[in-house]
Amino acid sequence: FKLKGMSEQMDVDCARDFFPFCIVWSPIPGLSWLIPFVGHLGIVQSSGLIHDFAGPYYINVTTLLFELMDQMDRKYTGFGSVTKYHKIDSKKLTKLRRDLDPVSEMDAAIEEASSAYRNMMHNLILNNCHAHVARALNEVGYMGFTHWNTVTLILLMMFSSNFVSFPRFLKTWLPFLILLCIIVTAIVLTKI
């Protein structure tokens, strides 16, 4: 389902960091260096606005105001530039409850999740950015599933996402590979 005139606006444009209707991922310095598939999630409205639960009582929303003022070329999550994304298929929204088209329904679910999480304490394990994204996806029954959580979202991003570019791939994996090389080198040198 695509709205008239929306098809070009809904296309991902990696060169412009424009990810409408996507789940986006950024590495968390330190944590992602040790466990590269664990990172920070956000969810993007059809307009391209990224919403991510970035801390206690705080939803980071990349605003169009910065773009209009030419102060920001890129869109960021609370932890920096997007390195991976999963495009949300509007045909896979199975729990539509409002009298809206699927795109507007998803946008409303993102707004509702953000509104709820603005009033919540953040913690690394349970009530985190993944829970925020999961709430929006559960609201619309994305992929016929209403039990999205941290583990299912990690798996989705591991197996059904795309890297923005090769440099962003390196941003995700290079710190881990460097640490791995240091550890392997240290082990080998201690055995000599």
N, C-alpha and C. Protein backbone atom coordinates (compact mmCIF):
# COMPACT_ATOMS: atom_id res chain seq x y z
N PHE A 1 0.85 -1.19 0.00
CA PHE A 1 0.00 0.00 0.00
C PHE A 1 0.88 1.23 0.00
N LYS A 2 0.73 2.07 -0.99
CA LYS A 2 1.47 3.32 -1.04
C LYS A 2 0.49 4.45 -1.31
N LEU A 3 0.70 5.52 -0.63
CA LEU A 3 -0.15 6.69 -0.86
C LEU A 3 0.29 7.37 -2.15
N LYS A 4 -0.65 7.98 -2.83
CA LYS A 4 -0.30 8.72 -4.03
C LYS A 4 0.67 9.84 -3.66
N GLY A 5 1.75 9.96 -4.44
CA GLY A 5 2.73 11.00 -4.19
C GLY A 5 3.71 10.69 -3.07
N MET A 6 3.50 9.56 -2.38
CA MET A 6 4.37 9.22 -1.26
C MET A 6 5.49 8.28 -1.68
N SER A 7 5.40 7.63 -2.84
CA SER A 7 6.35 6.57 -3.18
C SER A 7 7.79 7.08 -3.19
N GLU A 8 8.04 8.25 -3.78
CA GLU A 8 9.41 8.76 -3.79
C GLU A 8 9.86 9.19 -2.39
N GLN A 9 8.92 9.73 -1.61
CA GLN A 9 9.26 10.17 -0.27
C GLN A 9 9.54 9.01 0.66
N MET A 10 8.99 7.82 0.36
CA MET A 10 9.13 6.66 1.23
C MET A 10 10.37 5.83 0.89
N ASP A 11 11.08 6.17 -0.17
CA ASP A 11 12.27 5.42 -0.55
C ASP A 11 13.44 5.79 0.33
N VAL A 12 14.21 4.78 0.72
CA VAL A 12 15.43 5.01 1.50
C VAL A 12 16.47 5.65 0.59
N ASP A 13 17.15 6.66 1.10
CA ASP A 13 18.24 7.32 0.38
C ASP A 13 19.44 7.35 1.31
N CYS A 14 20.29 6.33 1.21
CA CYS A 14 21.44 6.21 2.11
C CYS A 14 22.41 7.37 1.98
N ALA A 15 22.56 7.92 0.78
CA ALA A 15 23.48 9.03 0.58
C ALA A 15 23.06 10.26 1.38
N ARG A 16 21.76 10.43 1.57
CA ARG A 16 21.23 11.56 2.36
C ARG A 16 20.89 11.18 3.79
N ASP A 17 21.15 9.91 4.16
CA ASP A 17 20.75 9.42 5.48
C ASP A 17 19.26 9.62 5.70
N PHE A 18 18.48 9.24 4.73
CA PHE A 18 17.03 9.40 4.76
C PHE A 18 16.41 8.00 4.80
N PHE A 19 15.80 7.65 5.95
CA PHE A 19 15.32 6.29 6.19
C PHE A 19 13.83 6.27 6.58
N PRO A 20 12.95 6.78 5.72
CA PRO A 20 11.54 6.80 6.10
C PRO A 20 10.99 5.39 6.28
N PHE A 21 10.16 5.22 7.31
CA PHE A 21 9.45 3.97 7.54
C PHE A 21 10.44 2.82 7.76
N CYS A 22 11.46 3.06 8.59
CA CYS A 22 12.49 2.07 8.86
C CYS A 22 12.74 1.94 10.35
N ILE A 23 13.34 0.81 10.72
CA ILE A 23 13.95 0.65 12.03
C ILE A 23 15.43 0.89 11.77
N VAL A 24 16.04 1.76 12.55
CA VAL A 24 17.45 2.12 12.33
C VAL A 24 18.29 1.72 13.53
N TRP A 25 19.57 1.46 13.28
CA TRP A 25 20.48 0.94 14.29
C TRP A 25 21.79 1.73 14.25
N SER A 26 22.32 2.02 15.43
CA SER A 26 23.63 2.67 15.58
C SER A 26 24.42 1.92 16.63
N PRO A 27 25.74 1.82 16.45
CA PRO A 27 26.55 1.16 17.49
C PRO A 27 26.64 2.03 18.74
N ILE A 28 26.72 1.36 19.88
CA ILE A 28 26.94 2.04 21.15
C ILE A 28 28.43 1.89 21.47
N PRO A 29 29.18 3.00 21.52
CA PRO A 29 30.61 2.88 21.79
C PRO A 29 30.87 2.08 23.07
N GLY A 30 31.85 1.21 23.01
CA GLY A 30 32.18 0.34 24.13
C GLY A 30 31.39 -0.95 24.07
N LEU A 31 30.08 -0.87 24.21
CA LEU A 31 29.24 -2.07 24.22
C LEU A 31 29.26 -2.78 22.86
N SER A 32 29.05 -2.03 21.79
CA SER A 32 29.05 -2.64 20.45
C SER A 32 30.45 -3.08 20.03
N TRP A 33 31.48 -2.50 20.63
CA TRP A 33 32.85 -2.95 20.32
C TRP A 33 33.06 -4.37 20.84
N LEU A 34 32.43 -4.68 21.96
CA LEU A 34 32.56 -6.01 22.56
C LEU A 34 31.56 -7.00 21.98
N ILE A 35 30.32 -6.54 21.73
CA ILE A 35 29.25 -7.39 21.19
C ILE A 35 28.64 -6.62 20.02
N PRO A 36 29.18 -6.81 18.82
CA PRO A 36 28.81 -5.94 17.69
C PRO A 36 27.36 -6.02 17.22
N PHE A 37 26.61 -7.03 17.61
CA PHE A 37 25.21 -7.08 17.19
C PHE A 37 24.29 -6.41 18.19
N VAL A 38 24.84 -5.91 19.29
CA VAL A 38 24.06 -5.16 20.27
C VAL A 38 24.33 -3.67 20.04
N GLY A 39 23.24 -2.90 19.89
CA GLY A 39 23.40 -1.48 19.64
C GLY A 39 22.13 -0.72 19.98
N HIS A 40 22.03 0.47 19.44
CA HIS A 40 20.94 1.40 19.74
C HIS A 40 19.94 1.41 18.58
N LEU A 41 18.65 1.29 18.90
CA LEU A 41 17.59 1.28 17.90
C LEU A 41 16.76 2.55 17.93
N GLY A 42 16.29 2.90 16.76
CA GLY A 42 15.30 3.96 16.62
C GLY A 42 14.29 3.52 15.59
N ILE A 43 13.20 4.23 15.50
CA ILE A 43 12.18 3.92 14.50
C ILE A 43 11.82 5.22 13.80
N VAL A 44 11.60 5.15 12.50
CA VAL A 44 11.48 6.36 11.68
C VAL A 44 10.09 6.47 11.08
N GLN A 45 9.52 7.66 11.22
CA GLN A 45 8.22 7.93 10.62
C GLN A 45 8.35 8.07 9.10
N SER A 46 7.22 8.08 8.43
CA SER A 46 7.22 8.19 6.97
C SER A 46 7.86 9.50 6.49
N SER A 47 7.88 10.52 7.33
CA SER A 47 8.49 11.80 6.98
C SER A 47 10.01 11.77 7.07
N GLY A 48 10.56 10.72 7.68
CA GLY A 48 12.00 10.61 7.83
C GLY A 48 12.48 11.00 9.23
N LEU A 49 11.58 11.36 10.14
CA LEU A 49 11.97 11.73 11.49
C LEU A 49 12.29 10.48 12.31
N ILE A 50 13.51 10.43 12.83
CA ILE A 50 13.94 9.31 13.67
C ILE A 50 13.49 9.57 15.10
N HIS A 51 12.86 8.58 15.72
CA HIS A 51 12.48 8.62 17.13
C HIS A 51 13.28 7.54 17.84
N ASP A 52 14.03 7.91 18.86
CA ASP A 52 14.73 6.89 19.64
C ASP A 52 14.77 7.26 21.11
N PHE A 53 14.55 6.25 21.95
CA PHE A 53 14.55 6.40 23.40
C PHE A 53 16.01 6.41 23.83
N ALA A 54 16.53 7.61 24.05
CA ALA A 54 17.97 7.79 24.25
C ALA A 54 18.40 7.97 25.70
N GLY A 55 17.46 8.01 26.61
CA GLY A 55 17.81 8.18 28.01
C GLY A 55 16.56 8.37 28.84
N PRO A 56 16.71 8.46 30.16
CA PRO A 56 15.54 8.62 31.02
C PRO A 56 14.69 9.82 30.61
N TYR A 57 13.41 9.56 30.40
CA TYR A 57 12.43 10.60 30.08
C TYR A 57 12.79 11.41 28.83
N TYR A 58 13.52 10.78 27.90
CA TYR A 58 13.99 11.53 26.73
C TYR A 58 13.86 10.72 25.45
N ILE A 59 13.09 11.24 24.52
CA ILE A 59 13.00 10.68 23.17
C ILE A 59 13.74 11.63 22.25
N ASN A 60 14.81 11.13 21.65
CA ASN A 60 15.56 11.92 20.68
C ASN A 60 14.77 11.88 19.37
N VAL A 61 14.42 13.05 18.85
CA VAL A 61 13.73 13.13 17.57
C VAL A 61 14.54 14.03 16.67
N THR A 62 15.04 13.47 15.58
CA THR A 62 15.76 14.26 14.59
C THR A 62 14.74 15.16 13.92
N THR A 63 14.95 16.44 14.00
CA THR A 63 13.94 17.36 13.48
C THR A 63 14.31 17.91 12.12
N LEU A 64 13.29 18.28 11.38
CA LEU A 64 13.49 18.89 10.07
C LEU A 64 13.99 20.32 10.21
N LEU A 65 13.84 20.92 11.39
CA LEU A 65 14.28 22.29 11.61
C LEU A 65 15.76 22.45 11.29
N PHE A 66 16.59 21.49 11.74
CA PHE A 66 18.03 21.57 11.47
C PHE A 66 18.31 21.53 9.98
N GLU A 67 17.58 20.69 9.26
CA GLU A 67 17.77 20.62 7.82
C GLU A 67 17.38 21.93 7.15
N LEU A 68 16.27 22.50 7.60
CA LEU A 68 15.82 23.75 7.01
C LEU A 68 16.82 24.87 7.25
N MET A 69 17.53 24.79 8.37
CA MET A 69 18.51 25.81 8.70
C MET A 69 19.89 25.46 8.13
N ASP A 70 19.98 24.34 7.38
CA ASP A 70 21.25 23.87 6.80
C ASP A 70 22.34 23.69 7.85
N GLN A 71 21.94 23.31 9.06
CA GLN A 71 22.92 23.10 10.12
C GLN A 71 23.27 21.62 10.28
N MET A 72 22.51 20.75 9.60
CA MET A 72 22.78 19.34 9.77
C MET A 72 22.44 18.61 8.48
N ASP A 73 23.43 17.97 7.88
CA ASP A 73 23.20 17.20 6.66
C ASP A 73 22.70 15.80 6.98
N ARG A 74 23.06 15.29 8.12
CA ARG A 74 22.76 13.90 8.43
C ARG A 74 21.74 13.79 9.55
N LYS A 75 21.11 12.63 9.58
CA LYS A 75 20.16 12.34 10.65
C LYS A 75 20.82 11.37 11.60
N TYR A 76 20.72 11.65 12.86
CA TYR A 76 21.41 10.87 13.88
C TYR A 76 20.43 10.29 14.89
N THR A 77 20.84 9.17 15.47
CA THR A 77 20.15 8.66 16.65
C THR A 77 20.87 9.27 17.85
N GLY A 78 20.46 8.90 19.04
CA GLY A 78 21.12 9.39 20.24
C GLY A 78 22.57 8.96 20.33
N PHE A 79 22.97 7.95 19.54
CA PHE A 79 24.35 7.46 19.55
C PHE A 79 25.07 7.67 18.23
N GLY A 80 24.61 8.59 17.43
CA GLY A 80 25.33 8.92 16.21
C GLY A 80 24.62 8.47 14.94
N SER A 81 25.41 8.38 13.88
CA SER A 81 24.84 8.09 12.57
C SER A 81 24.31 6.66 12.48
N VAL A 82 23.31 6.50 11.66
CA VAL A 82 22.70 5.19 11.41
C VAL A 82 23.69 4.35 10.61
N THR A 83 23.90 3.10 11.05
CA THR A 83 24.77 2.21 10.29
C THR A 83 24.00 1.08 9.61
N LYS A 84 22.83 0.70 10.17
CA LYS A 84 22.00 -0.35 9.57
C LYS A 84 20.53 0.08 9.62
N TYR A 85 19.76 -0.47 8.71
CA TYR A 85 18.33 -0.18 8.71
C TYR A 85 17.53 -1.38 8.22
N HIS A 86 16.31 -1.46 8.68
CA HIS A 86 15.34 -2.46 8.21
C HIS A 86 14.13 -1.69 7.72
N LYS A 87 13.80 -1.83 6.46
CA LYS A 87 12.65 -1.14 5.88
C LYS A 87 11.36 -1.83 6.33
N ILE A 88 10.45 -1.07 6.91
CA ILE A 88 9.16 -1.59 7.35
C ILE A 88 8.24 -1.71 6.13
N ASP A 89 7.70 -2.89 5.92
CA ASP A 89 6.78 -3.14 4.81
C ASP A 89 5.36 -2.85 5.30
N SER A 90 4.73 -1.83 4.74
CA SER A 90 3.39 -1.44 5.20
C SER A 90 2.36 -2.53 4.95
N LYS A 91 2.64 -3.46 4.05
CA LYS A 91 1.72 -4.58 3.81
C LYS A 91 1.75 -5.58 4.97
N LYS A 92 2.77 -5.49 5.81
CA LYS A 92 2.91 -6.43 6.92
C LYS A 92 2.41 -5.86 8.25
N LEU A 93 1.66 -4.76 8.20
CA LEU A 93 1.03 -4.20 9.39
C LEU A 93 -0.34 -4.87 9.50
N THR A 94 -0.49 -5.76 10.48
CA THR A 94 -1.68 -6.62 10.51
C THR A 94 -2.70 -6.25 11.58
N LYS A 95 -2.39 -5.31 12.42
CA LYS A 95 -3.29 -4.99 13.54
C LYS A 95 -3.70 -3.51 13.45
N LEU A 96 -4.32 -3.16 12.35
CA LEU A 96 -4.71 -1.77 12.14
C LEU A 96 -6.04 -1.53 12.85
N ARG A 97 -6.05 -0.51 13.72
CA ARG A 97 -7.25 -0.26 14.54
C ARG A 97 -7.90 1.07 14.26
N ARG A 98 -7.17 1.99 13.73
CA ARG A 98 -7.74 3.31 13.46
C ARG A 98 -8.32 3.31 12.05
N ASP A 99 -9.03 4.33 11.75
CA ASP A 99 -9.59 4.47 10.41
C ASP A 99 -8.60 5.22 9.52
N LEU A 100 -7.35 4.72 9.49
CA LEU A 100 -6.27 5.37 8.76
C LEU A 100 -5.65 4.40 7.77
N ASP A 101 -4.91 4.93 6.82
CA ASP A 101 -4.14 4.07 5.93
C ASP A 101 -2.96 3.50 6.74
N PRO A 102 -2.33 2.41 6.29
CA PRO A 102 -1.26 1.77 7.07
C PRO A 102 -0.09 2.70 7.41
N VAL A 103 0.28 3.58 6.50
CA VAL A 103 1.40 4.50 6.76
C VAL A 103 1.05 5.45 7.91
N SER A 104 -0.12 6.04 7.86
CA SER A 104 -0.55 6.94 8.94
C SER A 104 -0.72 6.19 10.25
N GLU A 105 -1.17 4.94 10.16
CA GLU A 105 -1.32 4.09 11.35
C GLU A 105 0.03 3.86 12.03
N MET A 106 1.05 3.56 11.22
CA MET A 106 2.39 3.33 11.77
C MET A 106 2.95 4.63 12.36
N ASP A 107 2.78 5.73 11.66
CA ASP A 107 3.23 7.03 12.18
C ASP A 107 2.58 7.32 13.53
N ALA A 108 1.28 7.04 13.64
CA ALA A 108 0.57 7.27 14.90
C ALA A 108 1.09 6.35 16.00
N ALA A 109 1.40 5.10 15.66
CA ALA A 109 1.94 4.16 16.65
C ALA A 109 3.31 4.62 17.15
N ILE A 110 4.12 5.17 16.25
CA ILE A 110 5.44 5.70 16.66
C ILE A 110 5.25 6.89 17.60
N GLU A 111 4.33 7.78 17.27
CA GLU A 111 4.05 8.93 18.13
C GLU A 111 3.55 8.48 19.50
N GLU A 112 2.67 7.48 19.53
CA GLU A 112 2.15 6.98 20.81
C GLU A 112 3.26 6.36 21.65
N ALA A 113 4.11 5.56 21.02
CA ALA A 113 5.22 4.95 21.76
C ALA A 113 6.14 6.03 22.31
N SER A 114 6.44 7.02 21.50
CA SER A 114 7.32 8.11 21.95
C SER A 114 6.69 8.89 23.09
N SER A 115 5.41 9.15 22.98
CA SER A 115 4.70 9.88 24.03
C SER A 115 4.74 9.10 25.35
N ALA A 116 4.54 7.80 25.29
CA ALA A 116 4.59 6.97 26.51
C ALA A 116 5.99 6.92 27.10
N TYR A 117 7.00 6.77 26.25
CA TYR A 117 8.37 6.62 26.75
C TYR A 117 8.99 7.93 27.21
N ARG A 118 8.40 9.06 26.86
CA ARG A 118 8.86 10.35 27.41
C ARG A 118 8.63 10.42 28.91
N ASN A 119 7.77 9.56 29.42
CA ASN A 119 7.44 9.54 30.84
C ASN A 119 8.04 8.34 31.57
N MET A 120 9.04 7.71 30.97
CA MET A 120 9.60 6.50 31.57
C MET A 120 11.09 6.61 31.83
N MET A 121 11.50 5.87 32.85
CA MET A 121 12.92 5.75 33.17
C MET A 121 13.55 4.76 32.19
N HIS A 122 14.75 5.04 31.77
CA HIS A 122 15.49 4.18 30.83
C HIS A 122 16.45 3.30 31.62
N ASN A 123 16.57 2.03 31.23
CA ASN A 123 17.66 1.21 31.75
C ASN A 123 18.17 0.33 30.63
N LEU A 124 19.38 -0.11 30.75
CA LEU A 124 20.07 -0.80 29.66
C LEU A 124 19.46 -2.15 29.31
N ILE A 125 18.87 -2.85 30.27
CA ILE A 125 18.43 -4.22 30.04
C ILE A 125 16.96 -4.32 29.63
N LEU A 126 16.05 -3.73 30.38
CA LEU A 126 14.62 -3.97 30.13
C LEU A 126 13.90 -2.82 29.43
N ASN A 127 13.91 -1.67 30.00
CA ASN A 127 13.16 -0.53 29.46
C ASN A 127 14.11 0.35 28.66
N ASN A 128 14.36 -0.06 27.43
CA ASN A 128 15.40 0.59 26.64
C ASN A 128 14.88 0.97 25.25
N CYS A 129 15.79 1.33 24.37
CA CYS A 129 15.41 1.74 23.02
C CYS A 129 14.69 0.63 22.26
N HIS A 130 15.08 -0.62 22.52
CA HIS A 130 14.42 -1.75 21.87
C HIS A 130 12.95 -1.85 22.32
N ALA A 131 12.70 -1.63 23.60
CA ALA A 131 11.34 -1.68 24.12
C ALA A 131 10.47 -0.58 23.49
N HIS A 132 11.05 0.58 23.26
CA HIS A 132 10.35 1.69 22.61
C HIS A 132 9.94 1.30 21.19
N VAL A 133 10.88 0.76 20.42
CA VAL A 133 10.58 0.33 19.05
C VAL A 133 9.56 -0.82 19.08
N ALA A 134 9.75 -1.76 20.00
CA ALA A 134 8.84 -2.91 20.12
C ALA A 134 7.40 -2.45 20.37
N ARG A 135 7.26 -1.44 21.21
CA ARG A 135 5.90 -0.95 21.51
C ARG A 135 5.19 -0.47 20.25
N ALA A 136 5.91 0.28 19.41
CA ALA A 136 5.31 0.76 18.17
C ALA A 136 4.97 -0.40 17.23
N LEU A 137 5.87 -1.37 17.12
CA LEU A 137 5.63 -2.51 16.23
C LEU A 137 4.50 -3.39 16.74
N ASN A 138 4.42 -3.59 18.05
CA ASN A 138 3.34 -4.39 18.63
C ASN A 138 1.98 -3.73 18.42
N GLU A 139 1.98 -2.41 18.46
CA GLU A 139 0.74 -1.65 18.28
C GLU A 139 0.10 -1.93 16.92
N VAL A 140 0.92 -2.15 15.90
CA VAL A 140 0.40 -2.38 14.54
C VAL A 140 0.53 -3.84 14.09
N GLY A 141 1.02 -4.71 14.98
CA GLY A 141 1.15 -6.12 14.63
C GLY A 141 2.06 -6.36 13.45
N TYR A 142 3.23 -5.72 13.48
CA TYR A 142 4.17 -5.84 12.35
C TYR A 142 4.55 -7.30 12.11
N MET A 143 4.43 -7.73 10.88
CA MET A 143 4.72 -9.10 10.42
C MET A 143 3.80 -10.13 11.10
N GLY A 144 2.62 -9.69 11.52
CA GLY A 144 1.67 -10.59 12.16
C GLY A 144 2.06 -10.97 13.58
N PHE A 145 2.99 -10.22 14.17
CA PHE A 145 3.57 -10.56 15.46
C PHE A 145 3.29 -9.42 16.43
N THR A 146 2.87 -9.74 17.65
CA THR A 146 2.59 -8.69 18.64
C THR A 146 3.40 -8.87 19.92
N HIS A 147 4.50 -9.57 19.83
CA HIS A 147 5.35 -9.80 21.00
C HIS A 147 6.80 -9.39 20.72
N TRP A 148 6.97 -8.27 20.01
CA TRP A 148 8.31 -7.77 19.74
C TRP A 148 8.97 -7.41 21.06
N ASN A 149 10.26 -7.68 21.18
CA ASN A 149 11.03 -7.36 22.39
C ASN A 149 12.49 -7.20 22.00
N THR A 150 13.35 -7.02 22.97
CA THR A 150 14.77 -6.79 22.71
C THR A 150 15.38 -7.92 21.89
N VAL A 151 15.13 -9.15 22.28
CA VAL A 151 15.74 -10.30 21.58
C VAL A 151 15.23 -10.40 20.15
N THR A 152 13.93 -10.29 19.94
CA THR A 152 13.40 -10.42 18.58
C THR A 152 13.89 -9.28 17.69
N LEU A 153 14.05 -8.09 18.25
CA LEU A 153 14.55 -6.97 17.45
C LEU A 153 16.03 -7.13 17.14
N ILE A 154 16.82 -7.66 18.08
CA ILE A 154 18.24 -7.93 17.78
C ILE A 154 18.32 -8.92 16.63
N LEU A 155 17.51 -9.98 16.68
CA LEU A 155 17.51 -10.98 15.61
C LEU A 155 17.06 -10.38 14.28
N LEU A 156 16.02 -9.55 14.31
CA LEU A 156 15.57 -8.89 13.09
C LEU A 156 16.69 -8.07 12.47
N MET A 157 17.38 -7.29 13.30
CA MET A 157 18.45 -6.43 12.78
C MET A 157 19.68 -7.24 12.36
N MET A 158 19.91 -8.39 12.97
CA MET A 158 21.03 -9.24 12.56
C MET A 158 20.78 -9.88 11.20
N PHE A 159 19.55 -10.34 10.97
CA PHE A 159 19.28 -11.17 9.80
C PHE A 159 18.43 -10.51 8.72
N SER A 160 17.85 -9.35 9.00
CA SER A 160 16.97 -8.74 8.02
C SER A 160 17.17 -7.23 7.94
N SER A 161 18.43 -6.83 7.91
CA SER A 161 18.73 -5.39 7.80
C SER A 161 19.84 -5.20 6.78
N ASN A 162 20.01 -3.96 6.40
CA ASN A 162 21.04 -3.60 5.42
C ASN A 162 21.98 -2.58 6.05
N PHE A 163 23.26 -2.69 5.72
CA PHE A 163 24.19 -1.64 6.13
C PHE A 163 24.02 -0.45 5.20
N VAL A 164 24.17 0.74 5.75
CA VAL A 164 24.00 1.97 4.98
C VAL A 164 25.08 2.07 3.91
N SER A 165 26.32 1.71 4.27
CA SER A 165 27.46 1.80 3.34
C SER A 165 28.61 0.96 3.91
N PHE A 166 29.65 0.79 3.11
CA PHE A 166 30.81 0.04 3.60
C PHE A 166 31.51 0.77 4.76
N PRO A 167 31.68 2.10 4.69
CA PRO A 167 32.26 2.78 5.86
C PRO A 167 31.42 2.60 7.13
N ARG A 168 30.10 2.57 7.01
CA ARG A 168 29.25 2.35 8.18
C ARG A 168 29.36 0.90 8.66
N PHE A 169 29.57 -0.04 7.74
CA PHE A 169 29.85 -1.42 8.12
C PHE A 169 31.12 -1.47 8.97
N LEU A 170 32.15 -0.75 8.51
CA LEU A 170 33.40 -0.70 9.26
C LEU A 170 33.21 -0.03 10.62
N LYS A 171 32.38 1.00 10.68
CA LYS A 171 32.11 1.67 11.95
C LYS A 171 31.52 0.68 12.96
N THR A 172 30.74 -0.26 12.47
CA THR A 172 30.13 -1.27 13.32
C THR A 172 31.12 -2.36 13.72
N TRP A 173 31.85 -2.91 12.77
CA TRP A 173 32.65 -4.11 13.01
C TRP A 173 34.14 -3.88 13.28
N LEU A 174 34.72 -2.79 12.81
CA LEU A 174 36.17 -2.58 12.96
C LEU A 174 36.64 -2.54 14.41
N PRO A 175 35.96 -1.83 15.32
CA PRO A 175 36.43 -1.84 16.71
C PRO A 175 36.46 -3.26 17.31
N PHE A 176 35.45 -4.06 17.01
CA PHE A 176 35.41 -5.45 17.49
C PHE A 176 36.58 -6.25 16.91
N LEU A 177 36.82 -6.09 15.61
CA LEU A 177 37.90 -6.84 14.97
C LEU A 177 39.27 -6.42 15.50
N ILE A 178 39.44 -5.13 15.79
CA ILE A 178 40.70 -4.66 16.37
C ILE A 178 40.90 -5.27 17.76
N LEU A 179 39.85 -5.24 18.59
CA LEU A 179 39.94 -5.85 19.92
C LEU A 179 40.22 -7.35 19.82
N LEU A 180 39.57 -8.01 18.90
CA LEU A 180 39.79 -9.44 18.70
C LEU A 180 41.23 -9.73 18.31
N CYS A 181 41.79 -8.93 17.41
CA CYS A 181 43.19 -9.09 16.99
C CYS A 181 44.14 -8.87 18.17
N ILE A 182 43.86 -7.87 18.99
CA ILE A 182 44.70 -7.59 20.16
C ILE A 182 44.66 -8.78 21.12
N ILE A 183 43.49 -9.33 21.36
CA ILE A 183 43.34 -10.47 22.27
C ILE A 183 44.05 -11.69 21.72
N VAL A 184 43.84 -11.99 20.44
CA VAL A 184 44.49 -13.14 19.82
C VAL A 184 46.01 -12.97 19.83
N THR A 185 46.49 -11.78 19.51
CA THR A 185 47.93 -11.50 19.53
C THR A 185 48.50 -11.68 20.94
N ALA A 186 47.78 -11.16 21.92
CA ALA A 186 48.24 -11.31 23.32
C ALA A 186 48.30 -12.78 23.72
N ILE A 187 47.31 -13.56 23.33
CA ILE A 187 47.31 -14.99 23.66
C ILE A 187 48.46 -15.70 22.97
N VAL A 188 48.65 -15.41 21.70
CA VAL A 188 49.74 -16.05 20.96
C VAL A 188 51.10 -15.66 21.54
N LEU A 189 51.29 -14.41 21.86
CA LEU A 189 52.58 -13.94 22.40
C LEU A 189 52.86 -14.52 23.79
N THR A 190 51.84 -14.75 24.57
CA THR A 190 52.07 -15.32 25.89
C THR A 190 52.41 -16.80 25.83
N LYS A 191 52.11 -17.46 24.73
CA LYS A 191 52.41 -18.88 24.56
C LYS A 191 53.77 -19.11 23.95
N ILE A 192 54.41 -18.05 23.48
CA ILE A 192 55.74 -18.20 22.84
C ILE A 192 56.81 -18.37 23.89
